[in-house]
Amino acid sequence: LEYCKERTAFGQPIGSFQNSRFKLAEMKTEIEIARVFVDRCIEELNAGELSAETAAMAKWWTSDLQKRVLDQCVQLHGGYGYMLEYPIARAYLDARVQSIYAGTNEIMKEIIGRSMGV
């Protein structure tokens, strides 16, 4: 967000362009929805009521969301998004493992699918 406020193109901050605002709004909304879902999962876990299906949904969705959000952040950074000197490039690389460890996202989808009886 700070980068979009500070980086200028054509004499104005890139965050002032409509497409950038739309992307930022989409990311903010999706992150907030994920946060609410994870908070609910934590409440269920603390109450001893978290199902494997719900945990799998949270793991799959949030790790996939992380990759999508970081992909958009790299896009907003332009060429700088690929330079390892910038934290966004490192975060982009690190995000990939989230959908692999502690059960791949495909395994999470399998857990969800089986819980549906299919």
PDB file of N, CA and C in Angstrom:
ATOM      1  N   LEU A   1       0.833  -1.190   0.000  1.00  0.00           N
ATOM      2  CA  LEU A   1       0.000   0.000   0.000  1.00  0.00           C
ATOM      3  C   LEU A   1       0.877   1.253   0.000  1.00  0.00           C
ATOM      4  N   GLU A   2       1.891   1.262   0.864  1.00  0.00           N
ATOM      5  CA  GLU A   2       2.782   2.423   0.917  1.00  0.00           C
ATOM      6  C   GLU A   2       3.464   2.655  -0.429  1.00  0.00           C
ATOM      7  N   TYR A   3       3.874   1.558  -1.067  1.00  0.00           N
ATOM      8  CA  TYR A   3       4.531   1.679  -2.364  1.00  0.00           C
ATOM      9  C   TYR A   3       3.599   2.359  -3.363  1.00  0.00           C
ATOM     10  N   CYS A   4       2.334   1.977  -3.358  1.00  0.00           N
ATOM     11  CA  CYS A   4       1.357   2.563  -4.292  1.00  0.00           C
ATOM     12  C   CYS A   4       1.103   4.037  -4.000  1.00  0.00           C
ATOM     13  N   LYS A   5       1.289   4.430  -2.759  1.00  0.00           N
ATOM     14  CA  LYS A   5       1.123   5.836  -2.401  1.00  0.00           C
ATOM     15  C   LYS A   5       2.347   6.667  -2.772  1.00  0.00           C
ATOM     16  N   GLU A   6       3.530   6.032  -2.720  1.00  0.00           N
ATOM     17  CA  GLU A   6       4.772   6.771  -2.929  1.00  0.00           C
ATOM     18  C   GLU A   6       5.287   6.724  -4.366  1.00  0.00           C
ATOM     19  N   ARG A   7       5.139   5.599  -5.038  1.00  0.00           N
ATOM     20  CA  ARG A   7       5.689   5.426  -6.387  1.00  0.00           C
ATOM     21  C   ARG A   7       4.854   6.239  -7.366  1.00  0.00           C
ATOM     22  N   THR A   8       5.533   7.015  -8.198  1.00  0.00           N
ATOM     23  CA  THR A   8       4.810   7.839  -9.161  1.00  0.00           C
ATOM     24  C   THR A   8       5.063   7.362 -10.585  1.00  0.00           C
ATOM     25  N   ALA A   9       4.076   7.570 -11.401  1.00  0.00           N
ATOM     26  CA  ALA A   9       4.153   7.334 -12.844  1.00  0.00           C
ATOM     27  C   ALA A   9       3.292   8.405 -13.503  1.00  0.00           C
ATOM     28  N   PHE A  10       3.797   8.980 -14.555  1.00  0.00           N
ATOM     29  CA  PHE A  10       3.083  10.047 -15.257  1.00  0.00           C
ATOM     30  C   PHE A  10       2.729  11.197 -14.314  1.00  0.00           C
ATOM     31  N   GLY A  11       3.612  11.423 -13.335  1.00  0.00           N
ATOM     32  CA  GLY A  11       3.448  12.556 -12.440  1.00  0.00           C
ATOM     33  C   GLY A  11       2.463  12.376 -11.308  1.00  0.00           C
ATOM     34  N   GLN A  12       1.972  11.163 -11.092  1.00  0.00           N
ATOM     35  CA  GLN A  12       1.048  10.942  -9.980  1.00  0.00           C
ATOM     36  C   GLN A  12       1.303   9.580  -9.344  1.00  0.00           C
ATOM     37  N   PRO A  13       0.906   9.411  -8.080  1.00  0.00           N
ATOM     38  CA  PRO A  13       1.106   8.121  -7.411  1.00  0.00           C
ATOM     39  C   PRO A  13       0.355   7.013  -8.154  1.00  0.00           C
ATOM     40  N   ILE A  14       0.974   5.840  -8.256  1.00  0.00           N
ATOM     41  CA  ILE A  14       0.309   4.761  -8.993  1.00  0.00           C
ATOM     42  C   ILE A  14      -0.983   4.324  -8.309  1.00  0.00           C
ATOM     43  N   GLY A  15      -1.086   4.576  -7.008  1.00  0.00           N
ATOM     44  CA  GLY A  15      -2.318   4.255  -6.297  1.00  0.00           C
ATOM     45  C   GLY A  15      -3.494   5.122  -6.707  1.00  0.00           C
ATOM     46  N   SER A  16      -3.224   6.222  -7.391  1.00  0.00           N
ATOM     47  CA  SER A  16      -4.312   7.107  -7.816  1.00  0.00           C
ATOM     48  C   SER A  16      -4.972   6.640  -9.109  1.00  0.00           C
ATOM     49  N   PHE A  17      -4.374   5.669  -9.779  1.00  0.00           N
ATOM     50  CA  PHE A  17      -4.981   5.137 -10.999  1.00  0.00           C
ATOM     51  C   PHE A  17      -6.114   4.183 -10.633  1.00  0.00           C
ATOM     52  N   GLN A  18      -7.181   4.235 -11.405  1.00  0.00           N
ATOM     53  CA  GLN A  18      -8.368   3.448 -11.095  1.00  0.00           C
ATOM     54  C   GLN A  18      -8.064   1.956 -10.989  1.00  0.00           C
ATOM     55  N   ASN A  19      -7.290   1.412 -11.910  1.00  0.00           N
ATOM     56  CA  ASN A  19      -6.993  -0.017 -11.871  1.00  0.00           C
ATOM     57  C   ASN A  19      -6.257  -0.393 -10.585  1.00  0.00           C
ATOM     58  N   SER A  20      -5.331   0.456 -10.166  1.00  0.00           N
ATOM     59  CA  SER A  20      -4.604   0.192  -8.918  1.00  0.00           C
ATOM     60  C   SER A  20      -5.554   0.221  -7.733  1.00  0.00           C
ATOM     61  N   ARG A  21      -6.445   1.210  -7.699  1.00  0.00           N
ATOM     62  CA  ARG A  21      -7.423   1.291  -6.605  1.00  0.00           C
ATOM     63  C   ARG A  21      -8.316   0.064  -6.585  1.00  0.00           C
ATOM     64  N   PHE A  22      -8.752  -0.380  -7.761  1.00  0.00           N
ATOM     65  CA  PHE A  22      -9.592  -1.579  -7.834  1.00  0.00           C
ATOM     66  C   PHE A  22      -8.850  -2.794  -7.294  1.00  0.00           C
ATOM     67  N   LYS A  23      -7.596  -2.959  -7.707  1.00  0.00           N
ATOM     68  CA  LYS A  23      -6.802  -4.102  -7.239  1.00  0.00           C
ATOM     69  C   LYS A  23      -6.617  -4.044  -5.728  1.00  0.00           C
ATOM     70  N   LEU A  24      -6.296  -2.880  -5.209  1.00  0.00           N
ATOM     71  CA  LEU A  24      -6.119  -2.723  -3.764  1.00  0.00           C
ATOM     72  C   LEU A  24      -7.421  -3.000  -3.016  1.00  0.00           C
ATOM     73  N   ALA A  25      -8.539  -2.535  -3.558  1.00  0.00           N
ATOM     74  CA  ALA A  25      -9.840  -2.774  -2.926  1.00  0.00           C
ATOM     75  C   ALA A  25     -10.180  -4.256  -2.916  1.00  0.00           C
ATOM     76  N   GLU A  26      -9.910  -4.936  -4.023  1.00  0.00           N
ATOM     77  CA  GLU A  26     -10.171  -6.375  -4.099  1.00  0.00           C
ATOM     78  C   GLU A  26      -9.329  -7.133  -3.079  1.00  0.00           C
ATOM     79  N   MET A  27      -8.046  -6.784  -2.999  1.00  0.00           N
ATOM     80  CA  MET A  27      -7.166  -7.471  -2.053  1.00  0.00           C
ATOM     81  C   MET A  27      -7.602  -7.220  -0.617  1.00  0.00           C
ATOM     82  N   LYS A  28      -7.914  -5.972  -0.294  1.00  0.00           N
ATOM     83  CA  LYS A  28      -8.342  -5.644   1.069  1.00  0.00           C
ATOM     84  C   LYS A  28      -9.589  -6.428   1.447  1.00  0.00           C
ATOM     85  N   THR A  29     -10.532  -6.513   0.536  1.00  0.00           N
ATOM     86  CA  THR A  29     -11.779  -7.226   0.806  1.00  0.00           C
ATOM     87  C   THR A  29     -11.533  -8.712   1.012  1.00  0.00           C
ATOM     88  N   GLU A  30     -10.767  -9.317   0.116  1.00  0.00           N
ATOM     89  CA  GLU A  30     -10.499 -10.752   0.247  1.00  0.00           C
ATOM     90  C   GLU A  30      -9.721 -11.074   1.515  1.00  0.00           C
ATOM     91  N   ILE A  31      -8.771 -10.225   1.868  1.00  0.00           N
ATOM     92  CA  ILE A  31      -8.000 -10.448   3.094  1.00  0.00           C
ATOM     93  C   ILE A  31      -8.905 -10.348   4.310  1.00  0.00           C
ATOM     94  N   GLU A  32      -9.802  -9.380   4.321  1.00  0.00           N
ATOM     95  CA  GLU A  32     -10.711  -9.225   5.461  1.00  0.00           C
ATOM     96  C   GLU A  32     -11.655 -10.421   5.583  1.00  0.00           C
ATOM     97  N   ILE A  33     -12.162 -10.903   4.471  1.00  0.00           N
ATOM     98  CA  ILE A  33     -13.033 -12.084   4.499  1.00  0.00           C
ATOM     99  C   ILE A  33     -12.268 -13.279   5.055  1.00  0.00           C
ATOM    100  N   ALA A  34     -11.034 -13.456   4.607  1.00  0.00           N
ATOM    101  CA  ALA A  34     -10.208 -14.560   5.107  1.00  0.00           C
ATOM    102  C   ALA A  34      -9.949 -14.405   6.601  1.00  0.00           C
ATOM    103  N   ARG A  35      -9.684 -13.182   7.042  1.00  0.00           N
ATOM    104  CA  ARG A  35      -9.424 -12.939   8.464  1.00  0.00           C
ATOM    105  C   ARG A  35     -10.637 -13.319   9.310  1.00  0.00           C
ATOM    106  N   VAL A  36     -11.816 -12.959   8.865  1.00  0.00           N
ATOM    107  CA  VAL A  36     -13.035 -13.294   9.607  1.00  0.00           C
ATOM    108  C   VAL A  36     -13.213 -14.811   9.671  1.00  0.00           C
ATOM    109  N   PHE A  37     -12.969 -15.494   8.560  1.00  0.00           N
ATOM    110  CA  PHE A  37     -13.102 -16.952   8.530  1.00  0.00           C
ATOM    111  C   PHE A  37     -12.085 -17.610   9.453  1.00  0.00           C
ATOM    112  N   VAL A  38     -10.850 -17.152   9.418  1.00  0.00           N
ATOM    113  CA  VAL A  38      -9.816 -17.724  10.289  1.00  0.00           C
ATOM    114  C   VAL A  38     -10.144 -17.440  11.754  1.00  0.00           C
ATOM    115  N   ASP A  39     -10.645 -16.254  12.059  1.00  0.00           N
ATOM    116  CA  ASP A  39     -11.055 -15.952  13.436  1.00  0.00           C
ATOM    117  C   ASP A  39     -12.137 -16.923  13.900  1.00  0.00           C
ATOM    118  N   ARG A  40     -13.085 -17.219  13.016  1.00  0.00           N
ATOM    119  CA  ARG A  40     -14.124 -18.189  13.365  1.00  0.00           C
ATOM    120  C   ARG A  40     -13.521 -19.568  13.596  1.00  0.00           C
ATOM    121  N   CYS A  41     -12.566 -19.940  12.772  1.00  0.00           N
ATOM    122  CA  CYS A  41     -11.889 -21.234  12.943  1.00  0.00           C
ATOM    123  C   CYS A  41     -11.167 -21.300  14.285  1.00  0.00           C
ATOM    124  N   ILE A  42     -10.542 -20.207  14.684  1.00  0.00           N
ATOM    125  CA  ILE A  42      -9.850 -20.166  15.977  1.00  0.00           C
ATOM    126  C   ILE A  42     -10.847 -20.337  17.111  1.00  0.00           C
ATOM    127  N   GLU A  43     -11.985 -19.665  17.013  1.00  0.00           N
ATOM    128  CA  GLU A  43     -13.025 -19.818  18.031  1.00  0.00           C
ATOM    129  C   GLU A  43     -13.493 -21.265  18.108  1.00  0.00           C
ATOM    130  N   GLU A  44     -13.706 -21.892  16.951  1.00  0.00           N
ATOM    131  CA  GLU A  44     -14.133 -23.290  16.929  1.00  0.00           C
ATOM    132  C   GLU A  44     -13.052 -24.199  17.502  1.00  0.00           C
ATOM    133  N   LEU A  45     -11.798 -23.933  17.177  1.00  0.00           N
ATOM    134  CA  LEU A  45     -10.696 -24.734  17.709  1.00  0.00           C
ATOM    135  C   LEU A  45     -10.639 -24.627  19.226  1.00  0.00           C
ATOM    136  N   ASN A  46     -10.753 -23.414  19.742  1.00  0.00           N
ATOM    137  CA  ASN A  46     -10.716 -23.208  21.192  1.00  0.00           C
ATOM    138  C   ASN A  46     -11.886 -23.876  21.897  1.00  0.00           C
ATOM    139  N   ALA A  47     -13.001 -24.002  21.203  1.00  0.00           N
ATOM    140  CA  ALA A  47     -14.183 -24.658  21.774  1.00  0.00           C
ATOM    141  C   ALA A  47     -14.168 -26.164  21.524  1.00  0.00           C
ATOM    142  N   GLY A  48     -13.137 -26.650  20.843  1.00  0.00           N
ATOM    143  CA  GLY A  48     -13.057 -28.080  20.524  1.00  0.00           C
ATOM    144  C   GLY A  48     -14.038 -28.500  19.447  1.00  0.00           C
ATOM    145  N   GLU A  49     -14.436 -27.573  18.587  1.00  0.00           N
ATOM    146  CA  GLU A  49     -15.460 -27.852  17.580  1.00  0.00           C
ATOM    147  C   GLU A  49     -14.966 -27.720  16.135  1.00  0.00           C
ATOM    148  N   LEU A  50     -13.682 -27.475  15.927  1.00  0.00           N
ATOM    149  CA  LEU A  50     -13.169 -27.291  14.572  1.00  0.00           C
ATOM    150  C   LEU A  50     -13.084 -28.636  13.866  1.00  0.00           C
ATOM    151  N   SER A  51     -13.772 -28.748  12.746  1.00  0.00           N
ATOM    152  CA  SER A  51     -13.746 -29.995  11.974  1.00  0.00           C
ATOM    153  C   SER A  51     -12.545 -30.002  11.041  1.00  0.00           C
ATOM    154  N   ALA A  52     -12.150 -31.198  10.629  1.00  0.00           N
ATOM    155  CA  ALA A  52     -11.056 -31.336   9.664  1.00  0.00           C
ATOM    156  C   ALA A  52     -11.429 -30.643   8.358  1.00  0.00           C
ATOM    157  N   GLU A  53     -12.688 -30.723   7.990  1.00  0.00           N
ATOM    158  CA  GLU A  53     -13.159 -30.087   6.756  1.00  0.00           C
ATOM    159  C   GLU A  53     -12.968 -28.570   6.811  1.00  0.00           C
ATOM    160  N   THR A  54     -13.377 -27.957   7.910  1.00  0.00           N
ATOM    161  CA  THR A  54     -13.256 -26.508   8.041  1.00  0.00           C
ATOM    162  C   THR A  54     -11.793 -26.086   8.109  1.00  0.00           C
ATOM    163  N   ALA A  55     -10.979 -26.845   8.823  1.00  0.00           N
ATOM    164  CA  ALA A  55      -9.541 -26.551   8.884  1.00  0.00           C
ATOM    165  C   ALA A  55      -8.924 -26.651   7.496  1.00  0.00           C
ATOM    166  N   ALA A  56      -9.328 -27.654   6.731  1.00  0.00           N
ATOM    167  CA  ALA A  56      -8.817 -27.821   5.368  1.00  0.00           C
ATOM    168  C   ALA A  56      -9.238 -26.651   4.486  1.00  0.00           C
ATOM    169  N   MET A  57     -10.482 -26.196   4.644  1.00  0.00           N
ATOM    170  CA  MET A  57     -10.938 -25.041   3.865  1.00  0.00           C
ATOM    171  C   MET A  57     -10.103 -23.811   4.193  1.00  0.00           C
ATOM    172  N   ALA A  58      -9.829 -23.605   5.478  1.00  0.00           N
ATOM    173  CA  ALA A  58      -9.044 -22.437   5.888  1.00  0.00           C
ATOM    174  C   ALA A  58      -7.623 -22.506   5.345  1.00  0.00           C
ATOM    175  N   LYS A  59      -7.007 -23.675   5.445  1.00  0.00           N
ATOM    176  CA  LYS A  59      -5.623 -23.821   4.981  1.00  0.00           C
ATOM    177  C   LYS A  59      -5.542 -23.617   3.480  1.00  0.00           C
ATOM    178  N   TRP A  60      -6.426 -24.277   2.741  1.00  0.00           N
ATOM    179  CA  TRP A  60      -6.413 -24.159   1.283  1.00  0.00           C
ATOM    180  C   TRP A  60      -6.695 -22.719   0.853  1.00  0.00           C
ATOM    181  N   TRP A  61      -7.770 -22.141   1.371  1.00  0.00           N
ATOM    182  CA  TRP A  61      -8.192 -20.829   0.899  1.00  0.00           C
ATOM    183  C   TRP A  61      -7.176 -19.746   1.230  1.00  0.00           C
ATOM    184  N   THR A  62      -6.672 -19.744   2.465  1.00  0.00           N
ATOM    185  CA  THR A  62      -5.762 -18.669   2.851  1.00  0.00           C
ATOM    186  C   THR A  62      -4.403 -18.790   2.169  1.00  0.00           C
ATOM    187  N   SER A  63      -3.913 -20.008   1.978  1.00  0.00           N
ATOM    188  CA  SER A  63      -2.624 -20.141   1.285  1.00  0.00           C
ATOM    189  C   SER A  63      -2.768 -19.784  -0.195  1.00  0.00           C
ATOM    190  N   ASP A  64      -3.897 -20.116  -0.780  1.00  0.00           N
ATOM    191  CA  ASP A  64      -4.150 -19.729  -2.167  1.00  0.00           C
ATOM    192  C   ASP A  64      -4.333 -18.209  -2.280  1.00  0.00           C
ATOM    193  N   LEU A  65      -5.024 -17.635  -1.323  1.00  0.00           N
ATOM    194  CA  LEU A  65      -5.218 -16.183  -1.295  1.00  0.00           C
ATOM    195  C   LEU A  65      -3.878 -15.463  -1.161  1.00  0.00           C
ATOM    196  N   GLN A  66      -3.000 -15.994  -0.322  1.00  0.00           N
ATOM    197  CA  GLN A  66      -1.691 -15.372  -0.166  1.00  0.00           C
ATOM    198  C   GLN A  66      -0.969 -15.289  -1.509  1.00  0.00           C
ATOM    199  N   LYS A  67      -1.013 -16.357  -2.274  1.00  0.00           N
ATOM    200  CA  LYS A  67      -0.358 -16.351  -3.586  1.00  0.00           C
ATOM    201  C   LYS A  67      -1.018 -15.351  -4.532  1.00  0.00           C
ATOM    202  N   ARG A  68      -2.354 -15.297  -4.524  1.00  0.00           N
ATOM    203  CA  ARG A  68      -3.055 -14.357  -5.408  1.00  0.00           C
ATOM    204  C   ARG A  68      -2.748 -12.905  -5.048  1.00  0.00           C
ATOM    205  N   VAL A  69      -2.766 -12.612  -3.758  1.00  0.00           N
ATOM    206  CA  VAL A  69      -2.498 -11.247  -3.309  1.00  0.00           C
ATOM    207  C   VAL A  69      -1.067 -10.846  -3.655  1.00  0.00           C
ATOM    208  N   LEU A  70      -0.130 -11.724  -3.384  1.00  0.00           N
ATOM    209  CA  LEU A  70       1.260 -11.394  -3.694  1.00  0.00           C
ATOM    210  C   LEU A  70       1.488 -11.255  -5.193  1.00  0.00           C
ATOM    211  N   ASP A  71       0.779 -12.033  -5.980  1.00  0.00           N
ATOM    212  CA  ASP A  71       0.885 -11.884  -7.429  1.00  0.00           C
ATOM    213  C   ASP A  71       0.432 -10.484  -7.849  1.00  0.00           C
ATOM    214  N   GLN A  72      -0.657 -10.009  -7.260  1.00  0.00           N
ATOM    215  CA  GLN A  72      -1.133  -8.657  -7.567  1.00  0.00           C
ATOM    216  C   GLN A  72      -0.155  -7.592  -7.066  1.00  0.00           C
ATOM    217  N   CYS A  73       0.456  -7.842  -5.910  1.00  0.00           N
ATOM    218  CA  CYS A  73       1.444  -6.897  -5.383  1.00  0.00           C
ATOM    219  C   CYS A  73       2.655  -6.806  -6.302  1.00  0.00           C
ATOM    220  N   VAL A  74       3.114  -7.954  -6.793  1.00  0.00           N
ATOM    221  CA  VAL A  74       4.224  -7.948  -7.747  1.00  0.00           C
ATOM    222  C   VAL A  74       3.826  -7.143  -8.979  1.00  0.00           C
ATOM    223  N   GLN A  75       2.604  -7.331  -9.442  1.00  0.00           N
ATOM    224  CA  GLN A  75       2.113  -6.595 -10.607  1.00  0.00           C
ATOM    225  C   GLN A  75       2.128  -5.087 -10.345  1.00  0.00           C
ATOM    226  N   LEU A  76       1.694  -4.685  -9.167  1.00  0.00           N
ATOM    227  CA  LEU A  76       1.680  -3.261  -8.824  1.00  0.00           C
ATOM    228  C   LEU A  76       3.095  -2.689  -8.713  1.00  0.00           C
ATOM    229  N   HIS A  77       4.045  -3.520  -8.340  1.00  0.00           N
ATOM    230  CA  HIS A  77       5.437  -3.073  -8.239  1.00  0.00           C
ATOM    231  C   HIS A  77       6.126  -3.016  -9.603  1.00  0.00           C
ATOM    232  N   GLY A  78       5.513  -3.607 -10.601  1.00  0.00           N
ATOM    233  CA  GLY A  78       6.125  -3.610 -11.928  1.00  0.00           C
ATOM    234  C   GLY A  78       7.425  -4.391 -11.914  1.00  0.00           C
ATOM    235  N   GLY A  79       8.409  -3.932 -12.652  1.00  0.00           N
ATOM    236  CA  GLY A  79       9.695  -4.617 -12.743  1.00  0.00           C
ATOM    237  C   GLY A  79      10.391  -4.766 -11.406  1.00  0.00           C
ATOM    238  N   TYR A  80      10.165  -3.821 -10.497  1.00  0.00           N
ATOM    239  CA  TYR A  80      10.779  -3.914  -9.173  1.00  0.00           C
ATOM    240  C   TYR A  80      10.266  -5.120  -8.392  1.00  0.00           C
ATOM    241  N   GLY A  81       9.089  -5.592  -8.732  1.00  0.00           N
ATOM    242  CA  GLY A  81       8.512  -6.727  -8.023  1.00  0.00           C
ATOM    243  C   GLY A  81       9.305  -8.008  -8.169  1.00  0.00           C
ATOM    244  N   TYR A  82      10.153  -8.071  -9.180  1.00  0.00           N
ATOM    245  CA  TYR A  82      10.975  -9.263  -9.409  1.00  0.00           C
ATOM    246  C   TYR A  82      12.387  -9.124  -8.864  1.00  0.00           C
ATOM    247  N   MET A  83      12.740  -7.953  -8.414  1.00  0.00           N
ATOM    248  CA  MET A  83      14.094  -7.730  -7.911  1.00  0.00           C
ATOM    249  C   MET A  83      14.169  -8.161  -6.456  1.00  0.00           C
ATOM    250  N   LEU A  84      15.083  -9.076  -6.164  1.00  0.00           N
ATOM    251  CA  LEU A  84      15.179  -9.630  -4.816  1.00  0.00           C
ATOM    252  C   LEU A  84      15.571  -8.589  -3.770  1.00  0.00           C
ATOM    253  N   GLU A  85      15.994  -7.411  -4.199  1.00  0.00           N
ATOM    254  CA  GLU A  85      16.292  -6.338  -3.259  1.00  0.00           C
ATOM    255  C   GLU A  85      15.012  -5.795  -2.610  1.00  0.00           C
ATOM    256  N   TYR A  86      13.888  -6.073  -3.241  1.00  0.00           N
ATOM    257  CA  TYR A  86      12.606  -5.609  -2.714  1.00  0.00           C
ATOM    258  C   TYR A  86      11.933  -6.729  -1.916  1.00  0.00           C
ATOM    259  N   PRO A  87      11.393  -6.412  -0.738  1.00  0.00           N
ATOM    260  CA  PRO A  87      10.756  -7.444   0.092  1.00  0.00           C
ATOM    261  C   PRO A  87       9.612  -8.175  -0.610  1.00  0.00           C
ATOM    262  N   ILE A  88       8.940  -7.513  -1.529  1.00  0.00           N
ATOM    263  CA  ILE A  88       7.803  -8.145  -2.198  1.00  0.00           C
ATOM    264  C   ILE A  88       8.243  -9.347  -3.020  1.00  0.00           C
ATOM    265  N   ALA A  89       9.414  -9.275  -3.626  1.00  0.00           N
ATOM    266  CA  ALA A  89       9.914 -10.399  -4.423  1.00  0.00           C
ATOM    267  C   ALA A  89      10.182 -11.600  -3.529  1.00  0.00           C
ATOM    268  N   ARG A  90      10.769 -11.363  -2.373  1.00  0.00           N
ATOM    269  CA  ARG A  90      11.050 -12.462  -1.437  1.00  0.00           C
ATOM    270  C   ARG A  90       9.737 -13.052  -0.910  1.00  0.00           C
ATOM    271  N   ALA A  91       8.789 -12.216  -0.567  1.00  0.00           N
ATOM    272  CA  ALA A  91       7.494 -12.697  -0.081  1.00  0.00           C
ATOM    273  C   ALA A  91       6.807 -13.538  -1.146  1.00  0.00           C
ATOM    274  N   TYR A  92       6.924 -13.109  -2.397  1.00  0.00           N
ATOM    275  CA  TYR A  92       6.329 -13.854  -3.510  1.00  0.00           C
ATOM    276  C   TYR A  92       6.936 -15.248  -3.609  1.00  0.00           C
ATOM    277  N   LEU A  93       8.249 -15.322  -3.485  1.00  0.00           N
ATOM    278  CA  LEU A  93       8.923 -16.623  -3.538  1.00  0.00           C
ATOM    279  C   LEU A  93       8.553 -17.489  -2.338  1.00  0.00           C
ATOM    280  N   ASP A  94       8.516 -16.895  -1.159  1.00  0.00           N
ATOM    281  CA  ASP A  94       8.219 -17.645   0.062  1.00  0.00           C
ATOM    282  C   ASP A  94       6.782 -18.155   0.104  1.00  0.00           C
ATOM    283  N   ALA A  95       5.873 -17.472  -0.550  1.00  0.00           N
ATOM    284  CA  ALA A  95       4.454 -17.844  -0.497  1.00  0.00           C
ATOM    285  C   ALA A  95       4.185 -19.199  -1.130  1.00  0.00           C
ATOM    286  N   ARG A  96       4.995 -19.582  -2.056  1.00  0.00           N
ATOM    287  CA  ARG A  96       4.735 -20.832  -2.787  1.00  0.00           C
ATOM    288  C   ARG A  96       4.687 -22.042  -1.870  1.00  0.00           C
ATOM    289  N   VAL A  97       5.529 -22.071  -0.849  1.00  0.00           N
ATOM    290  CA  VAL A  97       5.599 -23.239   0.027  1.00  0.00           C
ATOM    291  C   VAL A  97       4.338 -23.396   0.883  1.00  0.00           C
ATOM    292  N   GLN A  98       3.595 -22.331   1.075  1.00  0.00           N
ATOM    293  CA  GLN A  98       2.402 -22.394   1.925  1.00  0.00           C
ATOM    294  C   GLN A  98       1.379 -23.405   1.415  1.00  0.00           C
ATOM    295  N   SER A  99       1.314 -23.572   0.112  1.00  0.00           N
ATOM    296  CA  SER A  99       0.335 -24.516  -0.446  1.00  0.00           C
ATOM    297  C   SER A  99       0.894 -25.931  -0.537  1.00  0.00           C
ATOM    298  N   ILE A 100       2.100 -26.136   0.002  1.00  0.00           N
ATOM    299  CA  ILE A 100       2.729 -27.454  -0.051  1.00  0.00           C
ATOM    300  C   ILE A 100       2.843 -28.076   1.338  1.00  0.00           C
ATOM    301  N   TYR A 101       3.439 -27.347   2.283  1.00  0.00           N
ATOM    302  CA  TYR A 101       3.692 -27.974   3.581  1.00  0.00           C
ATOM    303  C   TYR A 101       2.410 -28.114   4.392  1.00  0.00           C
ATOM    304  N   ALA A 102       2.470 -29.012   5.372  1.00  0.00           N
ATOM    305  CA  ALA A 102       1.325 -29.324   6.244  1.00  0.00           C
ATOM    306  C   ALA A 102       0.132 -29.843   5.449  1.00  0.00           C
ATOM    307  N   GLY A 103       0.409 -30.478   4.337  1.00  0.00           N
ATOM    308  CA  GLY A 103      -0.643 -31.009   3.473  1.00  0.00           C
ATOM    309  C   GLY A 103      -0.863 -30.086   2.298  1.00  0.00           C
ATOM    310  N   THR A 104      -0.662 -30.602   1.113  1.00  0.00           N
ATOM    311  CA  THR A 104      -0.822 -29.767  -0.077  1.00  0.00           C
ATOM    312  C   THR A 104      -2.258 -29.278  -0.203  1.00  0.00           C
ATOM    313  N   ASN A 105      -2.441 -28.243  -0.979  1.00  0.00           N
ATOM    314  CA  ASN A 105      -3.796 -27.733  -1.189  1.00  0.00           C
ATOM    315  C   ASN A 105      -4.677 -28.759  -1.878  1.00  0.00           C
ATOM    316  N   GLU A 106      -4.071 -29.619  -2.686  1.00  0.00           N
ATOM    317  CA  GLU A 106      -4.856 -30.685  -3.324  1.00  0.00           C
ATOM    318  C   GLU A 106      -5.368 -31.670  -2.275  1.00  0.00           C
ATOM    319  N   ILE A 107      -4.553 -31.960  -1.277  1.00  0.00           N
ATOM    320  CA  ILE A 107      -4.995 -32.830  -0.178  1.00  0.00           C
ATOM    321  C   ILE A 107      -6.118 -32.148   0.592  1.00  0.00           C
ATOM    322  N   MET A 108      -6.002 -30.837   0.810  1.00  0.00           N
ATOM    323  CA  MET A 108      -7.058 -30.102   1.517  1.00  0.00           C
ATOM    324  C   MET A 108      -8.375 -30.194   0.743  1.00  0.00           C
ATOM    325  N   LYS A 109      -8.301 -30.059  -0.567  1.00  0.00           N
ATOM    326  CA  LYS A 109      -9.509 -30.174  -1.394  1.00  0.00           C
ATOM    327  C   LYS A 109     -10.073 -31.586  -1.334  1.00  0.00           C
ATOM    328  N   GLU A 110      -9.207 -32.564  -1.255  1.00  0.00           N
ATOM    329  CA  GLU A 110      -9.659 -33.957  -1.137  1.00  0.00           C
ATOM    330  C   GLU A 110     -10.411 -34.163   0.176  1.00  0.00           C
ATOM    331  N   ILE A 111      -9.898 -33.610   1.253  1.00  0.00           N
ATOM    332  CA  ILE A 111     -10.577 -33.703   2.554  1.00  0.00           C
ATOM    333  C   ILE A 111     -11.953 -33.058   2.469  1.00  0.00           C
ATOM    334  N   ILE A 112     -12.027 -31.895   1.859  1.00  0.00           N
ATOM    335  CA  ILE A 112     -13.305 -31.186   1.722  1.00  0.00           C
ATOM    336  C   ILE A 112     -14.265 -31.995   0.857  1.00  0.00           C
ATOM    337  N   GLY A 113     -13.779 -32.471  -0.278  1.00  0.00           N
ATOM    338  CA  GLY A 113     -14.628 -33.251  -1.183  1.00  0.00           C
ATOM    339  C   GLY A 113     -15.171 -34.505  -0.531  1.00  0.00           C
ATOM    340  N   ARG A 114     -14.313 -35.230   0.175  1.00  0.00           N
ATOM    341  CA  ARG A 114     -14.768 -36.460   0.849  1.00  0.00           C
ATOM    342  C   ARG A 114     -15.796 -36.156   1.926  1.00  0.00           C
ATOM    343  N   SER A 115     -15.643 -35.015   2.600  1.00  0.00           N
ATOM    344  CA  SER A 115     -16.608 -34.667   3.645  1.00  0.00           C
ATOM    345  C   SER A 115     -17.987 -34.377   3.057  1.00  0.00           C
ATOM    346  N   MET A 116     -18.010 -34.106   1.758  1.00  0.00           N
ATOM    347  CA  MET A 116     -19.274 -33.842   1.071  1.00  0.00           C
ATOM    348  C   MET A 116     -19.907 -35.128   0.556  1.00  0.00           C
ATOM    349  N   GLY A 117     -19.209 -36.229   0.765  1.00  0.00           N
ATOM    350  CA  GLY A 117     -19.751 -37.511   0.330  1.00  0.00           C
ATOM    351  C   GLY A 117     -19.506 -37.810  -1.132  1.00  0.00           C
ATOM    352  N   VAL A 118     -18.552 -37.127  -1.737  1.00  0.00           N
ATOM    353  CA  VAL A 118     -18.228 -37.400  -3.147  1.00  0.00           C
ATOM    354  C   VAL A 118     -16.786 -37.843  -3.283  1.00  0.00           C
TER     355      VAL A 118
END
